[in-house]
Amino acid sequence: MKQILNHLFENKSFTKEQAQEILTAISTGKYNSSQIAAFMTAYCMRNITVNELEGFRDAMLDLCLPVDLGGVEAIDLCGTGGDGKDTFNISTLASFVVAGAGYKVAKHGNYGVSSGCGSSNVMEYLGYSFTSDIDTLKRSIDTANICFLHAPLFHPAMKTVAPIRRELGVKTFFNMLGPMVNPAQPKNQLVGVYNLELARMYAYLYQRSDRSYTILNAIDGYDEVSLTCDFKTFSPEGEKIYSPEGIGFTRIDPIEIIGGSTVDESAEIFTTVLNGNGTEAQNNVVLVNAALAIKTIKKGNTFGDCFYEAEESLMQLKALKSFKTLLAN
């Protein structure tokens, strides 16, 4: 590790193969906690390269417990986190809205590290028991249209570094990897990232895949459509920029989509929105992200049509039914 750290301190980068080898060694316990913390901290102070990102991704996928959903064409709605905005659990709620609208969702999630409440925090608090049992996951996606994949159960690397990430308490390159290493490798993905540079890296890597994808970044630094500002999308159709007004919404104040300061407060917001009692701002943010996910699946549909599907799912409590069915599995 000393040689690796010196390489980083000299502002040198690693090849894809070297990055893959390093993360494999971290995952298999070759280095101690202090060495891993130093390695992760170095990446907090320098930009990752696309080759390094690709190598880290490949190592995670090679080592993960794969999830075969039996040919189901699912979508994942997953953000990198690390945007420092402390919003409520928008992408998780949007996932249930998409499931309630009748689409299959393989939601990849984890505990919050740089935020107070990640998707796994709120799901666990509300009674969901994490599982890696394939039959249970298949049953969930068959009956509820959604399964929840708690990252540490599938990724040895995430389990190894979880205590270190918690102690550091800041975003690391593992935030960048989360959306790319869904163990089900779904055919469709809506990916939110916290800065434009990372969005372009993702776009470069995803355009070399056979997936249908939408990568988005809000100009103010959100890893989702926030409706507080313009946002950019990258998809197989190219790069586009949208304003809230351009898709039919009034800009909202960031305070309107802030999350709770504790897990129970975050869970309260989550259940309020899911029960159809969210504020207009909360509902619209969830619905816009859900609509973009539906449009990723059904490219030929207009955004308006996709939004209508999402709105019907949330307001007619189909998303809530999907959530309750998942908990019952």
C-alpha atoms as a PDB file:
ATOM      1  CA  MET A   1       0.000   0.000   0.000  1.00  0.00           C
ATOM      2  CA  LYS A   2       2.902   2.376   0.664  1.00  0.00           C
ATOM      3  CA  GLN A   3       3.844   2.234  -3.018  1.00  0.00           C
ATOM      4  CA  ILE A   4       0.220   2.826  -4.036  1.00  0.00           C
ATOM      5  CA  LEU A   5      -0.113   5.849  -1.744  1.00  0.00           C
ATOM      6  CA  ASN A   6       3.166   7.358  -2.942  1.00  0.00           C
ATOM      7  CA  HIS A   7       1.882   6.961  -6.497  1.00  0.00           C
ATOM      8  CA  LEU A   8      -1.235   8.938  -5.566  1.00  0.00           C
ATOM      9  CA  PHE A   9       0.695  11.573  -3.622  1.00  0.00           C
ATOM     10  CA  GLU A  10       2.795  12.199  -6.740  1.00  0.00           C
ATOM     11  CA  ASN A  11      -0.510  12.952  -8.549  1.00  0.00           C
ATOM     12  CA  LYS A  12      -0.151   9.945 -10.823  1.00  0.00           C
ATOM     13  CA  SER A  13      -3.107   7.896 -11.979  1.00  0.00           C
ATOM     14  CA  PHE A  14      -3.667   4.153 -12.283  1.00  0.00           C
ATOM     15  CA  THR A  15      -4.584   2.142 -15.340  1.00  0.00           C
ATOM     16  CA  LYS A  16      -7.910   0.332 -15.428  1.00  0.00           C
ATOM     17  CA  GLU A  17      -6.122  -2.951 -14.650  1.00  0.00           C
ATOM     18  CA  GLN A  18      -4.181  -1.473 -11.715  1.00  0.00           C
ATOM     19  CA  ALA A  19      -7.332   0.060 -10.233  1.00  0.00           C
ATOM     20  CA  GLN A  20      -9.141  -3.259 -10.533  1.00  0.00           C
ATOM     21  CA  GLU A  21      -6.270  -5.044  -8.794  1.00  0.00           C
ATOM     22  CA  ILE A  22      -6.146  -2.513  -5.939  1.00  0.00           C
ATOM     23  CA  LEU A  23      -9.836  -2.675  -5.166  1.00  0.00           C
ATOM     24  CA  THR A  24      -9.767  -6.465  -5.334  1.00  0.00           C
ATOM     25  CA  ALA A  25      -6.962  -6.448  -2.761  1.00  0.00           C
ATOM     26  CA  ILE A  26      -8.947  -4.077  -0.521  1.00  0.00           C
ATOM     27  CA  SER A  27     -12.027  -6.298  -0.791  1.00  0.00           C
ATOM     28  CA  THR A  28     -10.128  -9.462   0.095  1.00  0.00           C
ATOM     29  CA  GLY A  29      -8.576  -8.029   3.259  1.00  0.00           C
ATOM     30  CA  LYS A  30      -5.035  -7.461   2.041  1.00  0.00           C
ATOM     31  CA  TYR A  31      -4.805  -4.006   3.657  1.00  0.00           C
ATOM     32  CA  ASN A  32      -5.634  -2.763   7.155  1.00  0.00           C
ATOM     33  CA  SER A  33      -8.160  -0.074   8.050  1.00  0.00           C
ATOM     34  CA  SER A  34      -5.607   2.735   8.310  1.00  0.00           C
ATOM     35  CA  GLN A  35      -4.196   1.955   4.871  1.00  0.00           C
ATOM     36  CA  ILE A  36      -7.662   1.798   3.319  1.00  0.00           C
ATOM     37  CA  ALA A  37      -8.649   5.079   5.005  1.00  0.00           C
ATOM     38  CA  ALA A  38      -5.518   6.761   3.624  1.00  0.00           C
ATOM     39  CA  PHE A  39      -6.276   5.448   0.135  1.00  0.00           C
ATOM     40  CA  MET A  40      -9.887   6.644   0.250  1.00  0.00           C
ATOM     41  CA  THR A  41      -8.858  10.037   1.655  1.00  0.00           C
ATOM     42  CA  ALA A  42      -6.366  10.554  -1.170  1.00  0.00           C
ATOM     43  CA  TYR A  43      -9.261  10.256  -3.619  1.00  0.00           C
ATOM     44  CA  CYS A  44     -11.165  12.920  -1.682  1.00  0.00           C
ATOM     45  CA  MET A  45      -8.421  15.353  -2.669  1.00  0.00           C
ATOM     46  CA  ARG A  46      -7.898  14.475  -6.317  1.00  0.00           C
ATOM     47  CA  ASN A  47     -10.117  13.696  -9.289  1.00  0.00           C
ATOM     48  CA  ILE A  48     -10.708  10.129 -10.285  1.00  0.00           C
ATOM     49  CA  THR A  49      -9.973   9.195 -13.917  1.00  0.00           C
ATOM     50  CA  VAL A  50     -12.367   7.288 -16.136  1.00  0.00           C
ATOM     51  CA  ASN A  51      -9.902   4.367 -16.284  1.00  0.00           C
ATOM     52  CA  GLU A  52      -9.757   4.198 -12.485  1.00  0.00           C
ATOM     53  CA  LEU A  53     -13.534   4.398 -12.197  1.00  0.00           C
ATOM     54  CA  GLU A  54     -13.932   1.608 -14.744  1.00  0.00           C
ATOM     55  CA  GLY A  55     -11.333  -0.559 -12.984  1.00  0.00           C
ATOM     56  CA  PHE A  56     -12.943  -0.085  -9.574  1.00  0.00           C
ATOM     57  CA  ARG A  57     -16.341  -0.891 -11.092  1.00  0.00           C
ATOM     58  CA  ASP A  58     -15.081  -4.088 -12.717  1.00  0.00           C
ATOM     59  CA  ALA A  59     -13.501  -5.257  -9.461  1.00  0.00           C
ATOM     60  CA  MET A  60     -16.779  -4.724  -7.604  1.00  0.00           C
ATOM     61  CA  LEU A  61     -18.770  -6.598 -10.227  1.00  0.00           C
ATOM     62  CA  ASP A  62     -16.284  -9.474 -10.409  1.00  0.00           C
ATOM     63  CA  LEU A  63     -16.475  -9.982  -6.647  1.00  0.00           C
ATOM     64  CA  CYS A  64     -20.185  -9.374  -6.103  1.00  0.00           C
ATOM     65  CA  LEU A  65     -22.884 -11.933  -5.452  1.00  0.00           C
ATOM     66  CA  PRO A  66     -24.834 -11.709  -8.741  1.00  0.00           C
ATOM     67  CA  VAL A  67     -28.623 -11.526  -8.767  1.00  0.00           C
ATOM     68  CA  ASP A  68     -30.394 -13.360 -11.598  1.00  0.00           C
ATOM     69  CA  LEU A  69     -33.981 -12.125 -11.777  1.00  0.00           C
ATOM     70  CA  GLY A  70     -34.884 -14.620 -14.471  1.00  0.00           C
ATOM     71  CA  GLY A  71     -34.859 -12.350 -17.481  1.00  0.00           C
ATOM     72  CA  VAL A  72     -36.993  -9.596 -15.931  1.00  0.00           C
ATOM     73  CA  GLU A  73     -36.255  -6.253 -17.593  1.00  0.00           C
ATOM     74  CA  ALA A  74     -35.996  -4.063 -14.534  1.00  0.00           C
ATOM     75  CA  ILE A  75     -34.897  -0.501 -13.857  1.00  0.00           C
ATOM     76  CA  ASP A  76     -32.833   0.915 -11.006  1.00  0.00           C
ATOM     77  CA  LEU A  77     -33.263   4.470  -9.743  1.00  0.00           C
ATOM     78  CA  CYS A  78     -30.100   5.199  -7.841  1.00  0.00           C
ATOM     79  CA  GLY A  79     -28.038   8.257  -7.062  1.00  0.00           C
ATOM     80  CA  THR A  80     -24.426   8.522  -6.037  1.00  0.00           C
ATOM     81  CA  GLY A  81     -25.310  10.459  -2.909  1.00  0.00           C
ATOM     82  CA  GLY A  82     -22.576  12.724  -1.670  1.00  0.00           C
ATOM     83  CA  ASP A  83     -24.238  15.901  -2.922  1.00  0.00           C
ATOM     84  CA  GLY A  84     -24.410  17.337   0.602  1.00  0.00           C
ATOM     85  CA  LYS A  85     -27.977  18.542   0.046  1.00  0.00           C
ATOM     86  CA  ASP A  86     -29.708  16.400   2.703  1.00  0.00           C
ATOM     87  CA  THR A  87     -32.892  15.967   0.686  1.00  0.00           C
ATOM     88  CA  PHE A  88     -35.531  13.435   1.701  1.00  0.00           C
ATOM     89  CA  ASN A  89     -35.389   9.978   0.086  1.00  0.00           C
ATOM     90  CA  ILE A  90     -36.484  11.079  -3.365  1.00  0.00           C
ATOM     91  CA  SER A  91     -35.091   8.259  -5.519  1.00  0.00           C
ATOM     92  CA  THR A  92     -36.388   5.563  -3.146  1.00  0.00           C
ATOM     93  CA  LEU A  93     -39.875   7.051  -3.199  1.00  0.00           C
ATOM     94  CA  ALA A  94     -39.677   7.422  -6.980  1.00  0.00           C
ATOM     95  CA  SER A  95     -38.742   3.732  -7.157  1.00  0.00           C
ATOM     96  CA  PHE A  96     -42.020   2.749  -5.487  1.00  0.00           C
ATOM     97  CA  VAL A  97     -43.934   5.136  -7.743  1.00  0.00           C
ATOM     98  CA  VAL A  98     -42.417   3.427 -10.799  1.00  0.00           C
ATOM     99  CA  ALA A  99     -43.220  -0.004  -9.326  1.00  0.00           C
ATOM    100  CA  GLY A 100     -46.774   1.130  -8.566  1.00  0.00           C
ATOM    101  CA  ALA A 101     -47.115   2.201 -12.198  1.00  0.00           C
ATOM    102  CA  GLY A 102     -46.462  -1.415 -13.215  1.00  0.00           C
ATOM    103  CA  TYR A 103     -42.749  -1.448 -14.037  1.00  0.00           C
ATOM    104  CA  LYS A 104     -40.204  -3.823 -12.530  1.00  0.00           C
ATOM    105  CA  VAL A 105     -37.642  -2.162 -10.239  1.00  0.00           C
ATOM    106  CA  ALA A 106     -34.394  -3.618  -8.862  1.00  0.00           C
ATOM    107  CA  LYS A 107     -33.502  -0.926  -6.330  1.00  0.00           C
ATOM    108  CA  HIS A 108     -29.867  -0.852  -5.205  1.00  0.00           C
ATOM    109  CA  GLY A 109     -29.365   0.928  -1.891  1.00  0.00           C
ATOM    110  CA  ASN A 110     -27.156   1.404   1.143  1.00  0.00           C
ATOM    111  CA  TYR A 111     -26.956   3.191   4.456  1.00  0.00           C
ATOM    112  CA  GLY A 112     -26.275   6.908   4.344  1.00  0.00           C
ATOM    113  CA  VAL A 113     -22.638   7.860   4.860  1.00  0.00           C
ATOM    114  CA  SER A 114     -22.296  11.512   3.914  1.00  0.00           C
ATOM    115  CA  SER A 115     -26.053  12.017   4.383  1.00  0.00           C
ATOM    116  CA  GLY A 116     -28.158  11.357   7.441  1.00  0.00           C
ATOM    117  CA  CYS A 117     -30.501   8.769   5.986  1.00  0.00           C
ATOM    118  CA  GLY A 118     -29.827   6.564   2.979  1.00  0.00           C
ATOM    119  CA  SER A 119     -32.370   4.295   1.327  1.00  0.00           C
ATOM    120  CA  SER A 120     -31.339   1.336   3.494  1.00  0.00           C
ATOM    121  CA  ASN A 121     -31.761   3.389   6.682  1.00  0.00           C
ATOM    122  CA  VAL A 122     -35.340   4.290   5.887  1.00  0.00           C
ATOM    123  CA  MET A 123     -36.275   0.839   4.569  1.00  0.00           C
ATOM    124  CA  GLU A 124     -34.876  -0.868   7.656  1.00  0.00           C
ATOM    125  CA  TYR A 125     -36.588   1.615   9.986  1.00  0.00           C
ATOM    126  CA  LEU A 126     -39.934   0.968   8.287  1.00  0.00           C
ATOM    127  CA  GLY A 127     -39.647  -2.782   8.763  1.00  0.00           C
ATOM    128  CA  TYR A 128     -37.955  -4.195   5.700  1.00  0.00           C
ATOM    129  CA  SER A 129     -35.590  -7.121   6.340  1.00  0.00           C
ATOM    130  CA  PHE A 130     -32.611  -7.123   3.990  1.00  0.00           C
ATOM    131  CA  THR A 131     -32.032 -10.361   2.121  1.00  0.00           C
ATOM    132  CA  SER A 132     -29.785 -11.838  -0.539  1.00  0.00           C
ATOM    133  CA  ASP A 133     -32.036 -14.864  -1.036  1.00  0.00           C
ATOM    134  CA  ILE A 134     -32.728 -15.024  -4.763  1.00  0.00           C
ATOM    135  CA  ASP A 135     -36.131 -16.714  -4.417  1.00  0.00           C
ATOM    136  CA  THR A 136     -37.307 -13.989  -2.022  1.00  0.00           C
ATOM    137  CA  LEU A 137     -36.041 -11.256  -4.346  1.00  0.00           C
ATOM    138  CA  LYS A 138     -37.796 -12.866  -7.326  1.00  0.00           C
ATOM    139  CA  ARG A 139     -41.014 -13.172  -5.355  1.00  0.00           C
ATOM    140  CA  SER A 140     -40.779  -9.517  -4.382  1.00  0.00           C
ATOM    141  CA  ILE A 141     -40.346  -8.337  -7.942  1.00  0.00           C
ATOM    142  CA  ASP A 142     -43.185 -10.622  -9.099  1.00  0.00           C
ATOM    143  CA  THR A 143     -45.696  -9.519  -6.458  1.00  0.00           C
ATOM    144  CA  ALA A 144     -44.626  -5.959  -5.591  1.00  0.00           C
ATOM    145  CA  ASN A 145     -42.879  -5.062  -8.882  1.00  0.00           C
ATOM    146  CA  ILE A 146     -39.800  -4.179  -6.816  1.00  0.00           C
ATOM    147  CA  CYS A 147     -36.962  -5.829  -4.948  1.00  0.00           C
ATOM    148  CA  PHE A 148     -34.491  -4.062  -2.680  1.00  0.00           C
ATOM    149  CA  LEU A 149     -30.803  -4.941  -2.926  1.00  0.00           C
ATOM    150  CA  HIS A 150     -28.905  -3.835   0.200  1.00  0.00           C
ATOM    151  CA  ALA A 151     -25.399  -3.296  -1.152  1.00  0.00           C
ATOM    152  CA  PRO A 152     -23.283  -4.785   1.688  1.00  0.00           C
ATOM    153  CA  LEU A 153     -25.042  -8.152   1.302  1.00  0.00           C
ATOM    154  CA  PHE A 154     -23.826  -8.397  -2.287  1.00  0.00           C
ATOM    155  CA  HIS A 155     -20.480  -6.570  -2.286  1.00  0.00           C
ATOM    156  CA  PRO A 156     -17.589  -7.760  -0.094  1.00  0.00           C
ATOM    157  CA  ALA A 157     -15.782  -4.468  -0.732  1.00  0.00           C
ATOM    158  CA  MET A 158     -18.651  -2.372   0.625  1.00  0.00           C
ATOM    159  CA  LYS A 159     -18.857  -4.556   3.712  1.00  0.00           C
ATOM    160  CA  THR A 160     -15.097  -4.208   4.280  1.00  0.00           C
ATOM    161  CA  VAL A 161     -15.015  -0.433   3.951  1.00  0.00           C
ATOM    162  CA  ALA A 162     -18.368   0.372   5.603  1.00  0.00           C
ATOM    163  CA  PRO A 163     -16.920   1.112   9.081  1.00  0.00           C
ATOM    164  CA  ILE A 164     -14.183   3.278   7.533  1.00  0.00           C
ATOM    165  CA  ARG A 165     -16.677   5.212   5.428  1.00  0.00           C
ATOM    166  CA  ARG A 166     -18.833   5.835   8.499  1.00  0.00           C
ATOM    167  CA  GLU A 167     -15.846   7.121  10.459  1.00  0.00           C
ATOM    168  CA  LEU A 168     -14.729   9.392   7.615  1.00  0.00           C
ATOM    169  CA  GLY A 169     -18.276  10.685   7.169  1.00  0.00           C
ATOM    170  CA  VAL A 170     -17.608  12.250   3.759  1.00  0.00           C
ATOM    171  CA  LYS A 171     -18.246  11.149   0.207  1.00  0.00           C
ATOM    172  CA  THR A 172     -15.589   8.861  -1.273  1.00  0.00           C
ATOM    173  CA  PHE A 173     -15.120   7.139  -4.608  1.00  0.00           C
ATOM    174  CA  PHE A 174     -17.479   4.414  -3.320  1.00  0.00           C
ATOM    175  CA  ASN A 175     -20.297   6.943  -3.777  1.00  0.00           C
ATOM    176  CA  MET A 176     -19.316   7.133  -7.426  1.00  0.00           C
ATOM    177  CA  LEU A 177     -19.472   3.347  -7.774  1.00  0.00           C
ATOM    178  CA  GLY A 178     -22.849   2.639  -6.158  1.00  0.00           C
ATOM    179  CA  PRO A 179     -25.171   3.063  -9.153  1.00  0.00           C
ATOM    180  CA  MET A 180     -22.839   1.185 -11.516  1.00  0.00           C
ATOM    181  CA  VAL A 181     -22.553  -1.988  -9.456  1.00  0.00           C
ATOM    182  CA  ASN A 182     -26.158  -3.075  -8.992  1.00  0.00           C
ATOM    183  CA  PRO A 183     -25.771  -6.872  -8.639  1.00  0.00           C
ATOM    184  CA  ALA A 184     -28.829  -7.457 -10.842  1.00  0.00           C
ATOM    185  CA  GLN A 185     -27.304  -5.331 -13.647  1.00  0.00           C
ATOM    186  CA  PRO A 186     -30.756  -4.133 -14.764  1.00  0.00           C
ATOM    187  CA  LYS A 187     -31.409  -3.342 -18.397  1.00  0.00           C
ATOM    188  CA  ASN A 188     -32.605   0.191 -17.573  1.00  0.00           C
ATOM    189  CA  GLN A 189     -31.158   2.795 -15.214  1.00  0.00           C
ATOM    190  CA  LEU A 190     -31.883   6.300 -14.010  1.00  0.00           C
ATOM    191  CA  VAL A 191     -28.640   7.489 -12.420  1.00  0.00           C
ATOM    192  CA  GLY A 192     -28.189  10.705 -10.476  1.00  0.00           C
ATOM    193  CA  VAL A 193     -24.678  12.081  -9.931  1.00  0.00           C
ATOM    194  CA  TYR A 194     -23.451  15.016  -7.876  1.00  0.00           C
ATOM    195  CA  ASN A 195     -21.336  16.872 -10.450  1.00  0.00           C
ATOM    196  CA  LEU A 196     -21.089  17.391 -14.170  1.00  0.00           C
ATOM    197  CA  GLU A 197     -17.619  15.890 -14.543  1.00  0.00           C
ATOM    198  CA  LEU A 198     -18.795  12.602 -13.046  1.00  0.00           C
ATOM    199  CA  ALA A 199     -21.940  12.697 -15.192  1.00  0.00           C
ATOM    200  CA  ARG A 200     -19.754  12.845 -18.301  1.00  0.00           C
ATOM    201  CA  MET A 201     -17.617   9.931 -17.056  1.00  0.00           C
ATOM    202  CA  TYR A 202     -20.756   7.893 -16.469  1.00  0.00           C
ATOM    203  CA  ALA A 203     -22.053   8.795 -19.916  1.00  0.00           C
ATOM    204  CA  TYR A 204     -18.782   7.628 -21.490  1.00  0.00           C
ATOM    205  CA  LEU A 205     -18.950   4.277 -19.695  1.00  0.00           C
ATOM    206  CA  TYR A 206     -22.686   3.722 -20.187  1.00  0.00           C
ATOM    207  CA  GLN A 207     -22.650   4.488 -23.896  1.00  0.00           C
ATOM    208  CA  ARG A 208     -20.388   1.458 -24.300  1.00  0.00           C
ATOM    209  CA  SER A 209     -23.037  -0.777 -22.725  1.00  0.00           C
ATOM    210  CA  ASP A 210     -26.285  -2.170 -24.108  1.00  0.00           C
ATOM    211  CA  ARG A 211     -28.402  -0.495 -21.430  1.00  0.00           C
ATOM    212  CA  SER A 212     -31.129   2.080 -21.713  1.00  0.00           C
ATOM    213  CA  TYR A 213     -30.043   4.849 -19.359  1.00  0.00           C
ATOM    214  CA  THR A 214     -30.593   8.414 -18.256  1.00  0.00           C
ATOM    215  CA  ILE A 215     -27.814  10.053 -16.262  1.00  0.00           C
ATOM    216  CA  LEU A 216     -28.803  13.296 -14.600  1.00  0.00           C
ATOM    217  CA  ASN A 217     -27.204  16.106 -12.650  1.00  0.00           C
ATOM    218  CA  ALA A 218     -28.904  19.220 -11.334  1.00  0.00           C
ATOM    219  CA  ILE A 219     -26.827  22.338 -11.944  1.00  0.00           C
ATOM    220  CA  ASP A 220     -26.873  23.272  -8.241  1.00  0.00           C
ATOM    221  CA  GLY A 221     -25.163  19.962  -7.442  1.00  0.00           C
ATOM    222  CA  TYR A 222     -28.092  17.668  -6.655  1.00  0.00           C
ATOM    223  CA  ASP A 223     -27.842  14.018  -7.702  1.00  0.00           C
ATOM    224  CA  GLU A 224     -31.478  14.072  -8.837  1.00  0.00           C
ATOM    225  CA  VAL A 225     -33.939  16.467 -10.420  1.00  0.00           C
ATOM    226  CA  SER A 226     -34.547  18.921  -7.591  1.00  0.00           C
ATOM    227  CA  LEU A 227     -36.763  21.498  -9.369  1.00  0.00           C
ATOM    228  CA  THR A 228     -34.648  24.151  -7.633  1.00  0.00           C
ATOM    229  CA  CYS A 229     -32.555  24.709 -10.765  1.00  0.00           C
ATOM    230  CA  ASP A 230     -31.877  23.555 -14.314  1.00  0.00           C
ATOM    231  CA  PHE A 231     -30.671  20.002 -14.803  1.00  0.00           C
ATOM    232  CA  LYS A 232     -28.723  18.081 -17.426  1.00  0.00           C
ATOM    233  CA  THR A 233     -29.399  14.610 -18.764  1.00  0.00           C
ATOM    234  CA  PHE A 234     -27.185  12.220 -20.703  1.00  0.00           C
ATOM    235  CA  SER A 235     -28.799   9.328 -22.566  1.00  0.00           C
ATOM    236  CA  PRO A 236     -28.293   7.331 -25.767  1.00  0.00           C
ATOM    237  CA  GLU A 237     -30.084  10.258 -27.477  1.00  0.00           C
ATOM    238  CA  GLY A 238     -27.388  12.696 -26.340  1.00  0.00           C
ATOM    239  CA  GLU A 239     -26.890  15.497 -23.828  1.00  0.00           C
ATOM    240  CA  LYS A 240     -29.738  17.885 -22.965  1.00  0.00           C
ATOM    241  CA  ILE A 241     -30.438  20.650 -20.477  1.00  0.00           C
ATOM    242  CA  TYR A 242     -33.855  21.366 -18.996  1.00  0.00           C
ATOM    243  CA  SER A 243     -35.319  24.046 -16.771  1.00  0.00           C
ATOM    244  CA  PRO A 244     -38.170  23.407 -14.309  1.00  0.00           C
ATOM    245  CA  GLU A 245     -40.286  25.901 -16.271  1.00  0.00           C
ATOM    246  CA  GLY A 246     -39.536  24.070 -19.516  1.00  0.00           C
ATOM    247  CA  ILE A 247     -41.139  20.886 -18.212  1.00  0.00           C
ATOM    248  CA  GLY A 248     -44.090  22.715 -16.657  1.00  0.00           C
ATOM    249  CA  PHE A 249     -43.056  23.471 -13.067  1.00  0.00           C
ATOM    250  CA  THR A 250     -42.306  26.495 -10.921  1.00  0.00           C
ATOM    251  CA  ARG A 251     -38.882  26.515  -9.275  1.00  0.00           C
ATOM    252  CA  ILE A 252     -38.986  25.553  -5.636  1.00  0.00           C
ATOM    253  CA  ASP A 253     -36.957  26.637  -2.633  1.00  0.00           C
ATOM    254  CA  PRO A 254     -34.333  24.057  -1.514  1.00  0.00           C
ATOM    255  CA  ILE A 255     -35.832  24.112   1.989  1.00  0.00           C
ATOM    256  CA  GLU A 256     -39.009  22.528   0.573  1.00  0.00           C
ATOM    257  CA  ILE A 257     -37.245  19.235  -0.204  1.00  0.00           C
ATOM    258  CA  ILE A 258     -34.982  18.973   2.809  1.00  0.00           C
ATOM    259  CA  GLY A 259     -34.959  15.650   4.658  1.00  0.00           C
ATOM    260  CA  GLY A 260     -35.259  14.923   8.341  1.00  0.00           C
ATOM    261  CA  SER A 261     -32.337  15.340  10.713  1.00  0.00           C
ATOM    262  CA  THR A 262     -32.891  11.815  12.074  1.00  0.00           C
ATOM    263  CA  VAL A 263     -33.921   8.516  10.521  1.00  0.00           C
ATOM    264  CA  ASP A 264     -37.349   8.615  12.171  1.00  0.00           C
ATOM    265  CA  GLU A 265     -37.982  12.132  10.804  1.00  0.00           C
ATOM    266  CA  SER A 266     -36.872  10.987   7.344  1.00  0.00           C
ATOM    267  CA  ALA A 267     -39.142   7.950   7.608  1.00  0.00           C
ATOM    268  CA  GLU A 268     -42.049  10.204   8.566  1.00  0.00           C
ATOM    269  CA  ILE A 269     -41.557  12.299   5.416  1.00  0.00           C
ATOM    270  CA  PHE A 270     -41.250   9.075   3.391  1.00  0.00           C
ATOM    271  CA  THR A 271     -44.539   7.631   4.661  1.00  0.00           C
ATOM    272  CA  THR A 272     -46.349  10.977   4.387  1.00  0.00           C
ATOM    273  CA  VAL A 273     -45.465  11.256   0.692  1.00  0.00           C
ATOM    274  CA  LEU A 274     -46.192   7.568   0.045  1.00  0.00           C
ATOM    275  CA  ASN A 275     -49.643   7.954   1.616  1.00  0.00           C
ATOM    276  CA  GLY A 276     -50.428  10.762  -0.830  1.00  0.00           C
ATOM    277  CA  ASN A 277     -50.119  13.528   1.769  1.00  0.00           C
ATOM    278  CA  GLY A 278     -46.856  15.131   0.686  1.00  0.00           C
ATOM    279  CA  THR A 279     -46.571  18.824  -0.090  1.00  0.00           C
ATOM    280  CA  GLU A 280     -46.862  19.942  -3.694  1.00  0.00           C
ATOM    281  CA  ALA A 281     -43.086  20.432  -3.857  1.00  0.00           C
ATOM    282  CA  GLN A 282     -42.350  16.998  -2.359  1.00  0.00           C
ATOM    283  CA  ASN A 283     -44.816  15.253  -4.661  1.00  0.00           C
ATOM    284  CA  ASN A 284     -43.596  17.018  -7.789  1.00  0.00           C
ATOM    285  CA  VAL A 285     -39.922  16.251  -7.153  1.00  0.00           C
ATOM    286  CA  VAL A 286     -40.687  12.560  -6.641  1.00  0.00           C
ATOM    287  CA  LEU A 287     -42.976  12.442  -9.680  1.00  0.00           C
ATOM    288  CA  VAL A 288     -40.542  14.179 -12.040  1.00  0.00           C
ATOM    289  CA  ASN A 289     -37.797  11.705 -11.156  1.00  0.00           C
ATOM    290  CA  ALA A 290     -40.206   8.783 -11.492  1.00  0.00           C
ATOM    291  CA  ALA A 291     -41.410  10.128 -14.861  1.00  0.00           C
ATOM    292  CA  LEU A 292     -37.831  10.306 -16.150  1.00  0.00           C
ATOM    293  CA  ALA A 293     -37.346   6.690 -15.083  1.00  0.00           C
ATOM    294  CA  ILE A 294     -40.500   5.624 -16.948  1.00  0.00           C
ATOM    295  CA  LYS A 295     -39.352   7.582 -19.995  1.00  0.00           C
ATOM    296  CA  THR A 296     -36.003   5.745 -19.819  1.00  0.00           C
ATOM    297  CA  ILE A 297     -37.967   2.504 -20.233  1.00  0.00           C
ATOM    298  CA  LYS A 298     -40.511   3.840 -22.756  1.00  0.00           C
ATOM    299  CA  LYS A 299     -38.411   6.143 -24.910  1.00  0.00           C
ATOM    300  CA  GLY A 300     -41.212   6.879 -27.344  1.00  0.00           C
ATOM    301  CA  ASN A 301     -43.533   8.324 -24.720  1.00  0.00           C
ATOM    302  CA  THR A 302     -43.676  12.021 -23.955  1.00  0.00           C
ATOM    303  CA  PHE A 303     -42.541  13.321 -20.585  1.00  0.00           C
ATOM    304  CA  GLY A 304     -46.147  14.426 -19.961  1.00  0.00           C
ATOM    305  CA  ASP A 305     -47.476  10.893 -20.502  1.00  0.00           C
ATOM    306  CA  CYS A 306     -44.836   9.458 -18.186  1.00  0.00           C
ATOM    307  CA  PHE A 307     -45.598  12.069 -15.526  1.00  0.00           C
ATOM    308  CA  TYR A 308     -49.285  11.195 -15.707  1.00  0.00           C
ATOM    309  CA  GLU A 309     -48.486   7.507 -15.119  1.00  0.00           C
ATOM    310  CA  ALA A 310     -46.321   8.421 -12.131  1.00  0.00           C
ATOM    311  CA  GLU A 311     -48.942  10.784 -10.706  1.00  0.00           C
ATOM    312  CA  GLU A 312     -51.644   8.134 -10.949  1.00  0.00           C
ATOM    313  CA  SER A 313     -49.391   5.634  -9.149  1.00  0.00           C
ATOM    314  CA  LEU A 314     -48.705   7.988  -6.242  1.00  0.00           C
ATOM    315  CA  MET A 315     -52.080   9.660  -5.808  1.00  0.00           C
ATOM    316  CA  GLN A 316     -54.130   6.476  -6.261  1.00  0.00           C
ATOM    317  CA  LEU A 317     -51.860   4.804  -3.681  1.00  0.00           C
ATOM    318  CA  LYS A 318     -50.518   2.182  -6.069  1.00  0.00           C
ATOM    319  CA  ALA A 319     -46.986   3.062  -4.928  1.00  0.00           C
ATOM    320  CA  LEU A 320     -48.090   2.549  -1.312  1.00  0.00           C
ATOM    321  CA  LYS A 321     -49.550  -0.855  -2.218  1.00  0.00           C
ATOM    322  CA  SER A 322     -46.244  -1.831  -3.828  1.00  0.00           C
ATOM    323  CA  PHE A 323     -44.391  -0.806  -0.667  1.00  0.00           C
ATOM    324  CA  LYS A 324     -46.738  -2.760   1.621  1.00  0.00           C
ATOM    325  CA  THR A 325     -46.512  -5.820  -0.607  1.00  0.00           C
ATOM    326  CA  LEU A 326     -42.709  -5.693  -0.494  1.00  0.00           C
ATOM    327  CA  LEU A 327     -42.745  -5.546   3.311  1.00  0.00           C
ATOM    328  CA  ALA A 328     -45.110  -8.526   3.445  1.00  0.00           C
ATOM    329  CA  ASN A 329     -42.835 -10.788   1.353  1.00  0.00           C
END
